[in-house]
Amino acid sequence: PVSFGLLTTDNQEQTMERSGSKAGNKGFEAMTTLIEMMNL
């Protein structure tokens, strides 16, 4: 199991949104994906 939490964004605002503000934290999401895949 390997999860992909690499942000590929157009600007710093989008990056900020995905690293803990409006769009959540994609690191958190990548780890929950990893946990689910480990169990699967």
PDB file of all heavy atoms in Angstrom:
ATOM      1  N   PRO A   1       0.824  -1.207   0.000  1.00  0.00           N
ATOM      2  CA  PRO A   1       0.000   0.000   0.000  1.00  0.00           C
ATOM      3  C   PRO A   1       0.864   1.266   0.000  1.00  0.00           C
ATOM      4  O   PRO A   1       1.774   1.406   0.819  1.00  0.00           O
ATOM      5  CB  PRO A   1      -0.804  -0.105   1.295  1.00  0.00           C
ATOM      6  CG  PRO A   1      -0.763  -1.541   1.673  1.00  0.00           C
ATOM      7  CD  PRO A   1       0.545  -2.049   1.165  1.00  0.00           C
ATOM      8  N   VAL A   2       0.588   2.141  -0.929  1.00  0.00           N
ATOM      9  CA  VAL A   2       1.264   3.435  -1.047  1.00  0.00           C
ATOM     10  C   VAL A   2       0.180   4.459  -1.340  1.00  0.00           C
ATOM     11  O   VAL A   2      -0.656   4.234  -2.213  1.00  0.00           O
ATOM     12  CB  VAL A   2       2.310   3.430  -2.189  1.00  0.00           C
ATOM     13  CG1 VAL A   2       2.889   4.821  -2.402  1.00  0.00           C
ATOM     14  CG2 VAL A   2       3.417   2.414  -1.915  1.00  0.00           C
ATOM     15  N   SER A   3       0.203   5.566  -0.621  1.00  0.00           N
ATOM     16  CA  SER A   3      -0.786   6.604  -0.907  1.00  0.00           C
ATOM     17  C   SER A   3      -0.113   7.833  -1.484  1.00  0.00           C
ATOM     18  O   SER A   3       1.065   8.089  -1.265  1.00  0.00           O
ATOM     19  CB  SER A   3      -1.610   6.957   0.338  1.00  0.00           C
ATOM     20  OG  SER A   3      -0.793   7.519   1.334  1.00  0.00           O
ATOM     21  N   PHE A   4      -0.902   8.591  -2.217  1.00  0.00           N
ATOM     22  CA  PHE A   4      -0.412   9.727  -2.993  1.00  0.00           C
ATOM     23  C   PHE A   4      -0.979  11.014  -2.414  1.00  0.00           C
ATOM     24  O   PHE A   4      -2.142  11.344  -2.627  1.00  0.00           O
ATOM     25  CB  PHE A   4      -0.861   9.546  -4.452  1.00  0.00           C
ATOM     26  CG  PHE A   4      -0.341  10.586  -5.388  1.00  0.00           C
ATOM     27  CD1 PHE A   4       0.948  10.525  -5.857  1.00  0.00           C
ATOM     28  CD2 PHE A   4      -1.152  11.626  -5.804  1.00  0.00           C
ATOM     29  CE1 PHE A   4       1.424  11.481  -6.747  1.00  0.00           C
ATOM     30  CE2 PHE A   4      -0.692  12.583  -6.686  1.00  0.00           C
ATOM     31  CZ  PHE A   4       0.609  12.512  -7.160  1.00  0.00           C
ATOM     32  N   GLY A   5      -0.141  11.737  -1.680  1.00  0.00           N
ATOM     33  CA  GLY A   5      -0.537  13.017  -1.112  1.00  0.00           C
ATOM     34  C   GLY A   5       0.303  14.151  -1.655  1.00  0.00           C
ATOM     35  O   GLY A   5       0.632  15.091  -0.943  1.00  0.00           O
ATOM     36  N   LEU A   6       0.672  14.047  -2.921  1.00  0.00           N
ATOM     37  CA  LEU A   6       1.476  15.079  -3.580  1.00  0.00           C
ATOM     38  C   LEU A   6       0.534  16.116  -4.185  1.00  0.00           C
ATOM     39  O   LEU A   6      -0.217  15.813  -5.105  1.00  0.00           O
ATOM     40  CB  LEU A   6       2.358  14.467  -4.656  1.00  0.00           C
ATOM     41  CG  LEU A   6       3.208  15.430  -5.477  1.00  0.00           C
ATOM     42  CD1 LEU A   6       4.224  16.155  -4.601  1.00  0.00           C
ATOM     43  CD2 LEU A   6       3.906  14.691  -6.618  1.00  0.00           C
ATOM     44  N   LEU A   7       0.576  17.322  -3.656  1.00  0.00           N
ATOM     45  CA  LEU A   7      -0.225  18.402  -4.215  1.00  0.00           C
ATOM     46  C   LEU A   7       0.422  18.910  -5.491  1.00  0.00           C
ATOM     47  O   LEU A   7       1.631  19.137  -5.531  1.00  0.00           O
ATOM     48  CB  LEU A   7      -0.336  19.558  -3.224  1.00  0.00           C
ATOM     49  CG  LEU A   7      -0.926  19.255  -1.862  1.00  0.00           C
ATOM     50  CD1 LEU A   7      -0.957  20.519  -1.003  1.00  0.00           C
ATOM     51  CD2 LEU A   7      -2.313  18.659  -1.991  1.00  0.00           C
ATOM     52  N   THR A   8      -0.368  19.080  -6.522  1.00  0.00           N
ATOM     53  CA  THR A   8       0.100  19.686  -7.767  1.00  0.00           C
ATOM     54  C   THR A   8      -0.877  20.818  -8.060  1.00  0.00           C
ATOM     55  O   THR A   8      -1.971  20.588  -8.562  1.00  0.00           O
ATOM     56  CB  THR A   8       0.130  18.654  -8.915  1.00  0.00           C
ATOM     57  OG1 THR A   8      -1.136  18.023  -9.020  1.00  0.00           O
ATOM     58  CG2 THR A   8       1.195  17.591  -8.660  1.00  0.00           C
ATOM     59  N   THR A   9      -0.461  22.029  -7.719  1.00  0.00           N
ATOM     60  CA  THR A   9      -1.376  23.164  -7.740  1.00  0.00           C
ATOM     61  C   THR A   9      -0.861  24.289  -8.632  1.00  0.00           C
ATOM     62  O   THR A   9       0.323  24.346  -8.963  1.00  0.00           O
ATOM     63  CB  THR A   9      -1.576  23.705  -6.316  1.00  0.00           C
ATOM     64  OG1 THR A   9      -0.306  24.045  -5.770  1.00  0.00           O
ATOM     65  CG2 THR A   9      -2.245  22.662  -5.423  1.00  0.00           C
ATOM     66  N   ASP A  10      -1.771  25.182  -8.981  1.00  0.00           N
ATOM     67  CA  ASP A  10      -1.412  26.306  -9.843  1.00  0.00           C
ATOM     68  C   ASP A  10      -0.806  27.476  -9.077  1.00  0.00           C
ATOM     69  O   ASP A  10      -0.107  28.296  -9.666  1.00  0.00           O
ATOM     70  CB  ASP A  10      -2.644  26.798 -10.603  1.00  0.00           C
ATOM     71  CG  ASP A  10      -3.067  25.822 -11.689  1.00  0.00           C
ATOM     72  OD1 ASP A  10      -2.183  25.198 -12.305  1.00  0.00           O
ATOM     73  OD2 ASP A  10      -4.285  25.692 -11.915  1.00  0.00           O
ATOM     74  N   ASN A  11      -1.114  27.580  -7.777  1.00  0.00           N
ATOM     75  CA  ASN A  11      -0.616  28.728  -7.007  1.00  0.00           C
ATOM     76  C   ASN A  11      -0.595  28.409  -5.514  1.00  0.00           C
ATOM     77  O   ASN A  11      -1.100  27.368  -5.082  1.00  0.00           O
ATOM     78  CB  ASN A  11      -1.478  29.966  -7.285  1.00  0.00           C
ATOM     79  CG  ASN A  11      -2.948  29.703  -7.048  1.00  0.00           C
ATOM     80  OD1 ASN A  11      -3.347  29.234  -5.990  1.00  0.00           O
ATOM     81  ND2 ASN A  11      -3.779  29.993  -8.059  1.00  0.00           N
ATOM     82  N   GLN A  12      -0.034  29.325  -4.745  1.00  0.00           N
ATOM     83  CA  GLN A  12       0.087  29.108  -3.305  1.00  0.00           C
ATOM     84  C   GLN A  12      -1.275  29.070  -2.606  1.00  0.00           C
ATOM     85  O   GLN A  12      -1.448  28.349  -1.622  1.00  0.00           O
ATOM     86  CB  GLN A  12       0.982  30.171  -2.682  1.00  0.00           C
ATOM     87  CG  GLN A  12       2.430  30.003  -3.068  1.00  0.00           C
ATOM     88  CD  GLN A  12       3.352  30.958  -2.330  1.00  0.00           C
ATOM     89  OE1 GLN A  12       2.914  31.846  -1.615  1.00  0.00           O
ATOM     90  NE2 GLN A  12       4.652  30.768  -2.512  1.00  0.00           N
ATOM     91  N   GLU A  13      -2.229  29.832  -3.107  1.00  0.00           N
ATOM     92  CA  GLU A  13      -3.567  29.831  -2.508  1.00  0.00           C
ATOM     93  C   GLU A  13      -4.198  28.440  -2.580  1.00  0.00           C
ATOM     94  O   GLU A  13      -4.747  27.934  -1.597  1.00  0.00           O
ATOM     95  CB  GLU A  13      -4.469  30.858  -3.196  1.00  0.00           C
ATOM     96  CG  GLU A  13      -5.864  30.922  -2.594  1.00  0.00           C
ATOM     97  CD  GLU A  13      -6.760  31.932  -3.297  1.00  0.00           C
ATOM     98  OE1 GLU A  13      -6.249  32.857  -3.951  1.00  0.00           O
ATOM     99  OE2 GLU A  13      -7.985  31.774  -3.178  1.00  0.00           O
ATOM    100  N   GLN A  14      -4.120  27.796  -3.745  1.00  0.00           N
ATOM    101  CA  GLN A  14      -4.648  26.439  -3.884  1.00  0.00           C
ATOM    102  C   GLN A  14      -3.898  25.468  -2.973  1.00  0.00           C
ATOM    103  O   GLN A  14      -4.499  24.563  -2.399  1.00  0.00           O
ATOM    104  CB  GLN A  14      -4.524  25.958  -5.333  1.00  0.00           C
ATOM    105  CG  GLN A  14      -5.450  26.621  -6.296  1.00  0.00           C
ATOM    106  CD  GLN A  14      -5.223  26.148  -7.727  1.00  0.00           C
ATOM    107  OE1 GLN A  14      -4.239  25.461  -8.026  1.00  0.00           O
ATOM    108  NE2 GLN A  14      -6.129  26.527  -8.615  1.00  0.00           N
ATOM    109  N   THR A  15      -2.608  25.675  -2.855  1.00  0.00           N
ATOM    110  CA  THR A  15      -1.802  24.804  -1.999  1.00  0.00           C
ATOM    111  C   THR A  15      -2.222  24.958  -0.545  1.00  0.00           C
ATOM    112  O   THR A  15      -2.366  23.965   0.179  1.00  0.00           O
ATOM    113  CB  THR A  15      -0.302  25.116  -2.177  1.00  0.00           C
ATOM    114  OG1 THR A  15       0.005  25.159  -3.577  1.00  0.00           O
ATOM    115  CG2 THR A  15       0.560  24.069  -1.511  1.00  0.00           C
ATOM    116  N   MET A  16      -2.430  26.194  -0.114  1.00  0.00           N
ATOM    117  CA  MET A  16      -2.872  26.456   1.255  1.00  0.00           C
ATOM    118  C   MET A  16      -4.227  25.811   1.520  1.00  0.00           C
ATOM    119  O   MET A  16      -4.445  25.197   2.567  1.00  0.00           O
ATOM    120  CB  MET A  16      -2.953  27.968   1.517  1.00  0.00           C
ATOM    121  CG  MET A  16      -3.418  28.320   2.916  1.00  0.00           C
ATOM    122  SD  MET A  16      -2.334  27.716   4.209  1.00  0.00           S
ATOM    123  CE  MET A  16      -1.064  28.948   4.144  1.00  0.00           C
ATOM    124  N   GLU A  17      -5.138  25.920   0.553  1.00  0.00           N
ATOM    125  CA  GLU A  17      -6.469  25.331   0.710  1.00  0.00           C
ATOM    126  C   GLU A  17      -6.402  23.829   0.917  1.00  0.00           C
ATOM    127  O   GLU A  17      -7.195  23.261   1.660  1.00  0.00           O
ATOM    128  CB  GLU A  17      -7.327  25.640  -0.523  1.00  0.00           C
ATOM    129  CG  GLU A  17      -7.746  27.083  -0.640  1.00  0.00           C
ATOM    130  CD  GLU A  17      -8.445  27.397  -1.947  1.00  0.00           C
ATOM    131  OE1 GLU A  17      -8.549  26.498  -2.830  1.00  0.00           O
ATOM    132  OE2 GLU A  17      -8.874  28.550  -2.111  1.00  0.00           O
ATOM    133  N   ARG A  18      -5.453  23.179   0.276  1.00  0.00           N
ATOM    134  CA  ARG A  18      -5.356  21.723   0.326  1.00  0.00           C
ATOM    135  C   ARG A  18      -4.440  21.214   1.440  1.00  0.00           C
ATOM    136  O   ARG A  18      -4.371  20.011   1.677  1.00  0.00           O
ATOM    137  CB  ARG A  18      -4.876  21.201  -1.030  1.00  0.00           C
ATOM    138  CG  ARG A  18      -5.974  21.304  -2.079  1.00  0.00           C
ATOM    139  CD  ARG A  18      -5.444  21.362  -3.492  1.00  0.00           C
ATOM    140  NE  ARG A  18      -6.531  21.463  -4.449  1.00  0.00           N
ATOM    141  CZ  ARG A  18      -7.206  22.574  -4.709  1.00  0.00           C
ATOM    142  NH1 ARG A  18      -6.930  23.701  -4.079  1.00  0.00           N
ATOM    143  NH2 ARG A  18      -8.185  22.581  -5.598  1.00  0.00           N
ATOM    144  N   SER A  19      -3.757  22.124   2.099  1.00  0.00           N
ATOM    145  CA  SER A  19      -2.861  21.695   3.180  1.00  0.00           C
ATOM    146  C   SER A  19      -3.395  22.097   4.549  1.00  0.00           C
ATOM    147  O   SER A  19      -2.639  22.224   5.504  1.00  0.00           O
ATOM    148  CB  SER A  19      -1.447  22.238   2.954  1.00  0.00           C
ATOM    149  OG  SER A  19      -1.440  23.653   2.918  1.00  0.00           O
ATOM    150  N   GLY A  20      -4.692  22.278   4.627  1.00  0.00           N
ATOM    151  CA  GLY A  20      -5.272  22.485   5.945  1.00  0.00           C
ATOM    152  C   GLY A  20      -6.326  23.559   6.080  1.00  0.00           C
ATOM    153  O   GLY A  20      -6.769  23.834   7.183  1.00  0.00           O
ATOM    154  N   SER A  21      -6.776  24.166   4.987  1.00  0.00           N
ATOM    155  CA  SER A  21      -7.842  25.159   5.155  1.00  0.00           C
ATOM    156  C   SER A  21      -9.103  24.702   4.431  1.00  0.00           C
ATOM    157  O   SER A  21      -9.616  23.629   4.700  1.00  0.00           O
ATOM    158  CB  SER A  21      -7.380  26.564   4.734  1.00  0.00           C
ATOM    159  OG  SER A  21      -7.161  26.646   3.355  1.00  0.00           O
ATOM    160  N   LYS A  22      -9.599  25.469   3.476  1.00  0.00           N
ATOM    161  CA  LYS A  22     -10.897  25.227   2.839  1.00  0.00           C
ATOM    162  C   LYS A  22     -11.104  23.797   2.312  1.00  0.00           C
ATOM    163  O   LYS A  22     -12.165  23.226   2.487  1.00  0.00           O
ATOM    164  CB  LYS A  22     -11.086  26.183   1.654  1.00  0.00           C
ATOM    165  CG  LYS A  22     -11.314  27.597   2.009  1.00  0.00           C
ATOM    166  CD  LYS A  22     -11.561  28.371   0.719  1.00  0.00           C
ATOM    167  CE  LYS A  22     -11.310  29.837   0.895  1.00  0.00           C
ATOM    168  NZ  LYS A  22     -11.422  30.537  -0.390  1.00  0.00           N
ATOM    169  N   ALA A  23     -10.125  23.269   1.627  1.00  0.00           N
ATOM    170  CA  ALA A  23     -10.279  21.957   0.983  1.00  0.00           C
ATOM    171  C   ALA A  23      -9.799  20.822   1.887  1.00  0.00           C
ATOM    172  O   ALA A  23      -9.607  19.703   1.428  1.00  0.00           O
ATOM    173  CB  ALA A  23      -9.538  21.940  -0.352  1.00  0.00           C
ATOM    174  N   GLY A  24      -9.611  21.088   3.159  1.00  0.00           N
ATOM    175  CA  GLY A  24      -9.155  20.049   4.083  1.00  0.00           C
ATOM    176  C   GLY A  24      -7.654  19.868   4.033  1.00  0.00           C
ATOM    177  O   GLY A  24      -6.924  20.711   3.511  1.00  0.00           O
ATOM    178  N   ASN A  25      -7.195  18.770   4.587  1.00  0.00           N
ATOM    179  CA  ASN A  25      -5.764  18.480   4.612  1.00  0.00           C
ATOM    180  C   ASN A  25      -5.531  17.196   3.831  1.00  0.00           C
ATOM    181  O   ASN A  25      -5.948  16.115   4.254  1.00  0.00           O
ATOM    182  CB  ASN A  25      -5.279  18.338   6.057  1.00  0.00           C
ATOM    183  CG  ASN A  25      -3.786  18.161   6.151  1.00  0.00           C
ATOM    184  OD1 ASN A  25      -3.209  17.280   5.516  1.00  0.00           O
ATOM    185  ND2 ASN A  25      -3.150  18.990   6.961  1.00  0.00           N
ATOM    186  N   LYS A  26      -4.890  17.331   2.679  1.00  0.00           N
ATOM    187  CA  LYS A  26      -4.675  16.177   1.804  1.00  0.00           C
ATOM    188  C   LYS A  26      -3.675  15.190   2.406  1.00  0.00           C
ATOM    189  O   LYS A  26      -3.662  14.014   2.018  1.00  0.00           O
ATOM    190  CB  LYS A  26      -4.233  16.625   0.409  1.00  0.00           C
ATOM    191  CG  LYS A  26      -5.264  17.498  -0.298  1.00  0.00           C
ATOM    192  CD  LYS A  26      -6.614  16.832  -0.408  1.00  0.00           C
ATOM    193  CE  LYS A  26      -7.634  17.712  -1.107  1.00  0.00           C
ATOM    194  NZ  LYS A  26      -8.967  17.145  -1.115  1.00  0.00           N
ATOM    195  N   GLY A  27      -2.852  15.620   3.363  1.00  0.00           N
ATOM    196  CA  GLY A  27      -1.987  14.689   4.090  1.00  0.00           C
ATOM    197  C   GLY A  27      -2.818  13.755   4.959  1.00  0.00           C
ATOM    198  O   GLY A  27      -2.565  12.547   5.014  1.00  0.00           O
ATOM    199  N   PHE A  28      -3.815  14.309   5.638  1.00  0.00           N
ATOM    200  CA  PHE A  28      -4.754  13.512   6.438  1.00  0.00           C
ATOM    201  C   PHE A  28      -5.463  12.507   5.537  1.00  0.00           C
ATOM    202  O   PHE A  28      -5.560  11.321   5.857  1.00  0.00           O
ATOM    203  CB  PHE A  28      -5.756  14.432   7.136  1.00  0.00           C
ATOM    204  CG  PHE A  28      -6.620  13.743   8.156  1.00  0.00           C
ATOM    205  CD1 PHE A  28      -6.290  13.800   9.498  1.00  0.00           C
ATOM    206  CD2 PHE A  28      -7.770  13.057   7.781  1.00  0.00           C
ATOM    207  CE1 PHE A  28      -7.100  13.171  10.458  1.00  0.00           C
ATOM    208  CE2 PHE A  28      -8.569  12.435   8.714  1.00  0.00           C
ATOM    209  CZ  PHE A  28      -8.236  12.489  10.063  1.00  0.00           C
ATOM    210  N   GLU A  29      -5.948  12.990   4.395  1.00  0.00           N
ATOM    211  CA  GLU A  29      -6.661  12.112   3.463  1.00  0.00           C
ATOM    212  C   GLU A  29      -5.760  11.015   2.910  1.00  0.00           C
ATOM    213  O   GLU A  29      -6.193   9.872   2.750  1.00  0.00           O
ATOM    214  CB  GLU A  29      -7.247  12.933   2.312  1.00  0.00           C
ATOM    215  CG  GLU A  29      -8.395  13.819   2.732  1.00  0.00           C
ATOM    216  CD  GLU A  29      -8.938  14.661   1.582  1.00  0.00           C
ATOM    217  OE1 GLU A  29      -8.730  14.295   0.399  1.00  0.00           O
ATOM    218  OE2 GLU A  29      -9.583  15.681   1.870  1.00  0.00           O
ATOM    219  N   ALA A  30      -4.505  11.358   2.618  1.00  0.00           N
ATOM    220  CA  ALA A  30      -3.576  10.353   2.093  1.00  0.00           C
ATOM    221  C   ALA A  30      -3.324   9.261   3.125  1.00  0.00           C
ATOM    222  O   ALA A  30      -3.237   8.075   2.785  1.00  0.00           O
ATOM    223  CB  ALA A  30      -2.269  11.011   1.663  1.00  0.00           C
ATOM    224  N   MET A  31      -3.227   9.639   4.391  1.00  0.00           N
ATOM    225  CA  MET A  31      -3.004   8.629   5.429  1.00  0.00           C
ATOM    226  C   MET A  31      -4.246   7.776   5.647  1.00  0.00           C
ATOM    227  O   MET A  31      -4.134   6.562   5.828  1.00  0.00           O
ATOM    228  CB  MET A  31      -2.564   9.275   6.741  1.00  0.00           C
ATOM    229  CG  MET A  31      -2.243   8.263   7.830  1.00  0.00           C
ATOM    230  SD  MET A  31      -0.961   7.035   7.417  1.00  0.00           S
ATOM    231  CE  MET A  31       0.514   8.035   7.637  1.00  0.00           C
ATOM    232  N   THR A  32      -5.434   8.355   5.615  1.00  0.00           N
ATOM    233  CA  THR A  32      -6.629   7.525   5.784  1.00  0.00           C
ATOM    234  C   THR A  32      -6.779   6.557   4.609  1.00  0.00           C
ATOM    235  O   THR A  32      -7.186   5.406   4.802  1.00  0.00           O
ATOM    236  CB  THR A  32      -7.917   8.364   5.961  1.00  0.00           C
ATOM    237  OG1 THR A  32      -8.085   9.239   4.855  1.00  0.00           O
ATOM    238  CG2 THR A  32      -7.885   9.148   7.261  1.00  0.00           C
ATOM    239  N   THR A  33      -6.413   7.008   3.425  1.00  0.00           N
ATOM    240  CA  THR A  33      -6.404   6.114   2.259  1.00  0.00           C
ATOM    241  C   THR A  33      -5.439   4.968   2.490  1.00  0.00           C
ATOM    242  O   THR A  33      -5.748   3.797   2.217  1.00  0.00           O
ATOM    243  CB  THR A  33      -6.018   6.896   0.986  1.00  0.00           C
ATOM    244  OG1 THR A  33      -7.011   7.879   0.722  1.00  0.00           O
ATOM    245  CG2 THR A  33      -5.856   5.968  -0.209  1.00  0.00           C
ATOM    246  N   LEU A  34      -4.257   5.288   3.004  1.00  0.00           N
ATOM    247  CA  LEU A  34      -3.242   4.266   3.256  1.00  0.00           C
ATOM    248  C   LEU A  34      -3.742   3.239   4.275  1.00  0.00           C
ATOM    249  O   LEU A  34      -3.578   2.031   4.074  1.00  0.00           O
ATOM    250  CB  LEU A  34      -1.948   4.918   3.753  1.00  0.00           C
ATOM    251  CG  LEU A  34      -0.757   3.982   3.879  1.00  0.00           C
ATOM    252  CD1 LEU A  34      -0.259   3.583   2.493  1.00  0.00           C
ATOM    253  CD2 LEU A  34       0.358   4.630   4.681  1.00  0.00           C
ATOM    254  N   ILE A  35      -4.341   3.708   5.345  1.00  0.00           N
ATOM    255  CA  ILE A  35      -4.863   2.810   6.383  1.00  0.00           C
ATOM    256  C   ILE A  35      -5.919   1.871   5.805  1.00  0.00           C
ATOM    257  O   ILE A  35      -5.904   0.661   6.041  1.00  0.00           O
ATOM    258  CB  ILE A  35      -5.424   3.625   7.571  1.00  0.00           C
ATOM    259  CG1 ILE A  35      -4.290   4.366   8.279  1.00  0.00           C
ATOM    260  CG2 ILE A  35      -6.182   2.712   8.540  1.00  0.00           C
ATOM    261  CD1 ILE A  35      -4.763   5.453   9.243  1.00  0.00           C
ATOM    262  N   GLU A  36      -6.828   2.436   5.027  1.00  0.00           N
ATOM    263  CA  GLU A  36      -7.857   1.602   4.411  1.00  0.00           C
ATOM    264  C   GLU A  36      -7.249   0.557   3.477  1.00  0.00           C
ATOM    265  O   GLU A  36      -7.646  -0.613   3.470  1.00  0.00           O
ATOM    266  CB  GLU A  36      -8.873   2.458   3.648  1.00  0.00           C
ATOM    267  CG  GLU A  36     -10.002   1.650   3.072  1.00  0.00           C
ATOM    268  CD  GLU A  36     -11.092   2.491   2.430  1.00  0.00           C
ATOM    269  OE1 GLU A  36     -11.150   3.708   2.664  1.00  0.00           O
ATOM    270  OE2 GLU A  36     -11.903   1.895   1.690  1.00  0.00           O
ATOM    271  N   MET A  37      -6.263   0.977   2.691  1.00  0.00           N
ATOM    272  CA  MET A  37      -5.618   0.042   1.762  1.00  0.00           C
ATOM    273  C   MET A  37      -4.810  -1.025   2.497  1.00  0.00           C
ATOM    274  O   MET A  37      -4.771  -2.182   2.068  1.00  0.00           O
ATOM    275  CB  MET A  37      -4.737   0.803   0.767  1.00  0.00           C
ATOM    276  CG  MET A  37      -5.532   1.639  -0.219  1.00  0.00           C
ATOM    277  SD  MET A  37      -6.748   0.682  -1.170  1.00  0.00           S
ATOM    278  CE  MET A  37      -5.659  -0.313  -2.175  1.00  0.00           C
ATOM    279  N   MET A  38      -4.183  -0.673   3.611  1.00  0.00           N
ATOM    280  CA  MET A  38      -3.463  -1.673   4.413  1.00  0.00           C
ATOM    281  C   MET A  38      -4.433  -2.776   4.846  1.00  0.00           C
ATOM    282  O   MET A  38      -4.120  -3.973   4.760  1.00  0.00           O
ATOM    283  CB  MET A  38      -2.825  -1.024   5.646  1.00  0.00           C
ATOM    284  CG  MET A  38      -1.638  -0.158   5.338  1.00  0.00           C
ATOM    285  SD  MET A  38      -1.069   0.800   6.788  1.00  0.00           S
ATOM    286  CE  MET A  38      -0.580  -0.512   7.916  1.00  0.00           C
ATOM    287  N   ASN A  39      -5.597  -2.368   5.304  1.00  0.00           N
ATOM    288  CA  ASN A  39      -6.593  -3.348   5.748  1.00  0.00           C
ATOM    289  C   ASN A  39      -7.202  -4.119   4.591  1.00  0.00           C
ATOM    290  O   ASN A  39      -7.466  -5.310   4.721  1.00  0.00           O
ATOM    291  CB  ASN A  39      -7.666  -2.647   6.583  1.00  0.00           C
ATOM    292  CG  ASN A  39      -7.118  -2.222   7.930  1.00  0.00           C
ATOM    293  OD1 ASN A  39      -6.462  -2.994   8.605  1.00  0.00           O
ATOM    294  ND2 ASN A  39      -7.364  -0.987   8.308  1.00  0.00           N
ATOM    295  N   LEU A  40      -7.402  -3.456   3.468  1.00  0.00           N
ATOM    296  CA  LEU A  40      -7.919  -4.155   2.285  1.00  0.00           C
ATOM    297  C   LEU A  40      -6.936  -5.218   1.809  1.00  0.00           C
ATOM    298  O   LEU A  40      -7.334  -6.326   1.469  1.00  0.00           O
ATOM    299  CB  LEU A  40      -8.220  -3.148   1.164  1.00  0.00           C
ATOM    300  CG  LEU A  40      -8.777  -3.756  -0.123  1.00  0.00           C
ATOM    301  CD1 LEU A  40     -10.106  -4.462   0.133  1.00  0.00           C
ATOM    302  CD2 LEU A  40      -8.921  -2.678  -1.181  1.00  0.00           C
TER     303      LEU A  40
END
